[in-house]
């Protein structure tokens, strides 16, 4: 699977929410958390 990298900026409020999600899901990084959330969202959308 080919992967592309994107750089995104998020507001401080979203960073706090992502950090909370990261800890709850026992993930190592915020980018990993974002990937998991996007993957779940896209899976549900289809």
PDB file of N, CA and C in Angstrom:
ATOM      1  N   UNK A   1       0.844  -1.163   0.000  1.00  0.00           N
ATOM      2  CA  UNK A   1       0.000   0.000   0.000  1.00  0.00           C
ATOM      3  C   UNK A   1       0.899   1.239   0.000  1.00  0.00           C
ATOM      4  N   UNK A   2       0.706   2.103  -0.959  1.00  0.00           N
ATOM      5  CA  UNK A   2       1.453   3.357  -1.032  1.00  0.00           C
ATOM      6  C   UNK A   2       0.882   4.345  -0.026  1.00  0.00           C
ATOM      7  N   UNK A   3       1.764   5.111   0.573  1.00  0.00           N
ATOM      8  CA  UNK A   3       1.309   6.097   1.558  1.00  0.00           C
ATOM      9  C   UNK A   3       1.844   7.464   1.182  1.00  0.00           C
ATOM     10  N   UNK A   4       1.055   8.470   1.486  1.00  0.00           N
ATOM     11  CA  UNK A   4       1.467   9.851   1.268  1.00  0.00           C
ATOM     12  C   UNK A   4       1.453  10.552   2.612  1.00  0.00           C
ATOM     13  N   UNK A   5       2.316  11.530   2.761  1.00  0.00           N
ATOM     14  CA  UNK A   5       2.360  12.299   4.000  1.00  0.00           C
ATOM     15  C   UNK A   5       1.729  13.651   3.777  1.00  0.00           C
ATOM     16  N   UNK A   6       0.975  14.087   4.783  1.00  0.00           N
ATOM     17  CA  UNK A   6       0.352  15.404   4.763  1.00  0.00           C
ATOM     18  C   UNK A   6       0.696  16.105   6.062  1.00  0.00           C
ATOM     19  N   UNK A   7       0.955  17.382   5.958  1.00  0.00           N
ATOM     20  CA  UNK A   7       1.162  18.167   7.163  1.00  0.00           C
ATOM     21  C   UNK A   7      -0.110  18.978   7.397  1.00  0.00           C
ATOM     22  N   UNK A   8      -0.632  18.892   8.603  1.00  0.00           N
ATOM     23  CA  UNK A   8      -1.847  19.630   8.922  1.00  0.00           C
ATOM     24  C   UNK A   8      -1.634  20.465  10.180  1.00  0.00           C
ATOM     25  N   UNK A   9      -2.350  21.549  10.244  1.00  0.00           N
ATOM     26  CA  UNK A   9      -2.347  22.383  11.444  1.00  0.00           C
ATOM     27  C   UNK A   9      -3.698  22.233  12.116  1.00  0.00           C
ATOM     28  N   UNK A  10      -3.671  22.086  13.429  1.00  0.00           N
ATOM     29  CA  UNK A  10      -4.922  21.953  14.168  1.00  0.00           C
ATOM     30  C   UNK A  10      -4.906  22.935  15.340  1.00  0.00           C
ATOM     31  N   UNK A  11      -6.083  23.425  15.705  1.00  0.00           N
ATOM     32  CA  UNK A  11      -6.166  24.360  16.825  1.00  0.00           C
ATOM     33  C   UNK A  11      -5.803  23.671  18.150  1.00  0.00           C
ATOM     34  N   UNK A  12      -5.383  24.472  19.116  1.00  0.00           N
ATOM     35  CA  UNK A  12      -4.994  23.948  20.424  1.00  0.00           C
ATOM     36  C   UNK A  12      -6.094  23.105  21.060  1.00  0.00           C
ATOM     37  N   UNK A  13      -7.327  23.522  20.892  1.00  0.00           N
ATOM     38  CA  UNK A  13      -8.451  22.777  21.464  1.00  0.00           C
ATOM     39  C   UNK A  13      -8.514  21.355  20.896  1.00  0.00           C
ATOM     40  N   UNK A  14      -8.271  21.216  19.598  1.00  0.00           N
ATOM     41  CA  UNK A  14      -8.292  19.898  18.973  1.00  0.00           C
ATOM     42  C   UNK A  14      -7.107  19.059  19.440  1.00  0.00           C
ATOM     43  N   UNK A  15      -5.965  19.698  19.661  1.00  0.00           N
ATOM     44  CA  UNK A  15      -4.788  18.981  20.159  1.00  0.00           C
ATOM     45  C   UNK A  15      -5.104  18.341  21.506  1.00  0.00           C
ATOM     46  N   UNK A  16      -5.792  19.070  22.367  1.00  0.00           N
ATOM     47  CA  UNK A  16      -6.161  18.533  23.686  1.00  0.00           C
ATOM     48  C   UNK A  16      -7.061  17.311  23.543  1.00  0.00           C
ATOM     49  N   UNK A  17      -8.013  17.394  22.633  1.00  0.00           N
ATOM     50  CA  UNK A  17      -8.932  16.265  22.416  1.00  0.00           C
ATOM     51  C   UNK A  17      -8.173  15.071  21.832  1.00  0.00           C
ATOM     52  N   UNK A  18      -7.273  15.333  20.897  1.00  0.00           N
ATOM     53  CA  UNK A  18      -6.489  14.244  20.298  1.00  0.00           C
ATOM     54  C   UNK A  18      -5.567  13.595  21.322  1.00  0.00           C
ATOM     55  N   UNK A  19      -4.984  14.378  22.196  1.00  0.00           N
ATOM     56  CA  UNK A  19      -4.129  13.820  23.249  1.00  0.00           C
ATOM     57  C   UNK A  19      -4.944  12.928  24.182  1.00  0.00           C
ATOM     58  N   UNK A  20      -6.145  13.360  24.511  1.00  0.00           N
ATOM     59  CA  UNK A  20      -7.027  12.563  25.369  1.00  0.00           C
ATOM     60  C   UNK A  20      -7.379  11.240  24.681  1.00  0.00           C
ATOM     61  N   UNK A  21      -7.736  11.316  23.395  1.00  0.00           N
ATOM     62  CA  UNK A  21      -8.044  10.097  22.624  1.00  0.00           C
ATOM     63  C   UNK A  21      -6.832   9.179  22.562  1.00  0.00           C
ATOM     64  N   UNK A  22      -5.658   9.754  22.345  1.00  0.00           N
ATOM     65  CA  UNK A  22      -4.428   8.965  22.247  1.00  0.00           C
ATOM     66  C   UNK A  22      -4.211   8.162  23.526  1.00  0.00           C
ATOM     67  N   UNK A  23      -4.397   8.804  24.663  1.00  0.00           N
ATOM     68  CA  UNK A  23      -4.196   8.121  25.946  1.00  0.00           C
ATOM     69  C   UNK A  23      -5.251   7.052  26.171  1.00  0.00           C
ATOM     70  N   UNK A  24      -6.499   7.354  25.834  1.00  0.00           N
ATOM     71  CA  UNK A  24      -7.582   6.377  26.024  1.00  0.00           C
ATOM     72  C   UNK A  24      -7.403   5.150  25.136  1.00  0.00           C
ATOM     73  N   UNK A  25      -6.906   5.372  23.930  1.00  0.00           N
ATOM     74  CA  UNK A  25      -6.725   4.262  22.983  1.00  0.00           C
ATOM     75  C   UNK A  25      -5.358   3.594  23.126  1.00  0.00           C
ATOM     76  N   UNK A  26      -4.547   4.105  24.050  1.00  0.00           N
ATOM     77  CA  UNK A  26      -3.210   3.569  24.316  1.00  0.00           C
ATOM     78  C   UNK A  26      -2.328   3.598  23.062  1.00  0.00           C
ATOM     79  N   UNK A  27      -2.421   4.685  22.310  1.00  0.00           N
ATOM     80  CA  UNK A  27      -1.602   4.849  21.115  1.00  0.00           C
ATOM     81  C   UNK A  27      -0.370   5.684  21.459  1.00  0.00           C
ATOM     82  N   UNK A  28       0.658   5.588  20.618  1.00  0.00           N
ATOM     83  CA  UNK A  28       1.922   6.254  20.929  1.00  0.00           C
ATOM     84  C   UNK A  28       1.976   7.714  20.496  1.00  0.00           C
ATOM     85  N   UNK A  29       1.335   8.059  19.380  1.00  0.00           N
ATOM     86  CA  UNK A  29       1.482   9.410  18.851  1.00  0.00           C
ATOM     87  C   UNK A  29       0.133   9.982  18.416  1.00  0.00           C
ATOM     88  N   UNK A  30       0.093  11.290  18.307  1.00  0.00           N
ATOM     89  CA  UNK A  30      -1.112  11.954  17.807  1.00  0.00           C
ATOM     90  C   UNK A  30      -1.348  11.616  16.328  1.00  0.00           C
ATOM     91  N   UNK A  31      -0.311  11.627  15.468  1.00  0.00           N
ATOM     92  CA  UNK A  31      -0.566  11.236  14.069  1.00  0.00           C
ATOM     93  C   UNK A  31      -1.174   9.831  13.950  1.00  0.00           C
ATOM     94  N   UNK A  32      -0.724   8.908  14.778  1.00  0.00           N
ATOM     95  CA  UNK A  32      -1.304   7.565  14.770  1.00  0.00           C
ATOM     96  C   UNK A  32      -2.778   7.630  15.183  1.00  0.00           C
ATOM     97  N   UNK A  33      -3.079   8.451  16.158  1.00  0.00           N
ATOM     98  CA  UNK A  33      -4.457   8.630  16.611  1.00  0.00           C
ATOM     99  C   UNK A  33      -5.323   9.181  15.489  1.00  0.00           C
ATOM    100  N   UNK A  34      -4.816  10.164  14.775  1.00  0.00           N
ATOM    101  CA  UNK A  34      -5.554  10.744  13.651  1.00  0.00           C
ATOM    102  C   UNK A  34      -5.820   9.688  12.587  1.00  0.00           C
ATOM    103  N   UNK A  35      -4.816   8.865  12.269  1.00  0.00           N
ATOM    104  CA  UNK A  35      -4.995   7.804  11.268  1.00  0.00           C
ATOM    105  C   UNK A  35      -6.081   6.821  11.689  1.00  0.00           C
ATOM    106  N   UNK A  36      -6.077   6.432  12.965  1.00  0.00           N
ATOM    107  CA  UNK A  36      -7.073   5.478  13.461  1.00  0.00           C
ATOM    108  C   UNK A  36      -8.476   6.085  13.375  1.00  0.00           C
ATOM    109  N   UNK A  37      -8.617   7.326  13.809  1.00  0.00           N
ATOM    110  CA  UNK A  37      -9.925   7.985  13.782  1.00  0.00           C
ATOM    111  C   UNK A  37     -10.426   8.127  12.345  1.00  0.00           C
ATOM    112  N   UNK A  38      -9.551   8.547  11.439  1.00  0.00           N
ATOM    113  CA  UNK A  38      -9.953   8.672  10.028  1.00  0.00           C
ATOM    114  C   UNK A  38     -10.337   7.323   9.433  1.00  0.00           C
ATOM    115  N   UNK A  39      -9.566   6.304   9.757  1.00  0.00           N
ATOM    116  CA  UNK A  39      -9.858   4.964   9.249  1.00  0.00           C
ATOM    117  C   UNK A  39     -11.228   4.489   9.720  1.00  0.00           C
ATOM    118  N   UNK A  40     -11.521   4.683  11.018  1.00  0.00           N
ATOM    119  CA  UNK A  40     -12.829   4.302  11.544  1.00  0.00           C
ATOM    120  C   UNK A  40     -13.949   5.087  10.877  1.00  0.00           C
ATOM    121  N   UNK A  41     -13.744   6.383  10.725  1.00  0.00           N
ATOM    122  CA  UNK A  41     -14.757   7.224  10.099  1.00  0.00           C
ATOM    123  C   UNK A  41     -15.041   6.777   8.673  1.00  0.00           C
ATOM    124  N   UNK A  42     -13.992   6.562   7.899  1.00  0.00           N
ATOM    125  CA  UNK A  42     -14.176   6.183   6.501  1.00  0.00           C
ATOM    126  C   UNK A  42     -14.792   4.798   6.373  1.00  0.00           C
ATOM    127  N   UNK A  43     -14.464   3.892   7.280  1.00  0.00           N
ATOM    128  CA  UNK A  43     -15.067   2.561   7.264  1.00  0.00           C
ATOM    129  C   UNK A  43     -16.572   2.646   7.509  1.00  0.00           C
ATOM    130  N   UNK A  44     -16.969   3.478   8.470  1.00  0.00           N
ATOM    131  CA  UNK A  44     -18.398   3.630   8.785  1.00  0.00           C
ATOM    132  C   UNK A  44     -19.152   4.325   7.670  1.00  0.00           C
ATOM    133  N   UNK A  45     -18.493   5.250   6.990  1.00  0.00           N
ATOM    134  CA  UNK A  45     -19.134   6.028   5.947  1.00  0.00           C
ATOM    135  C   UNK A  45     -19.549   5.149   4.771  1.00  0.00           C
ATOM    136  N   UNK A  46     -18.776   4.115   4.488  1.00  0.00           N
ATOM    137  CA  UNK A  46     -19.077   3.221   3.355  1.00  0.00           C
ATOM    138  C   UNK A  46     -20.050   2.221   3.804  1.00  0.00           C
TER     139      UNK A  46
END
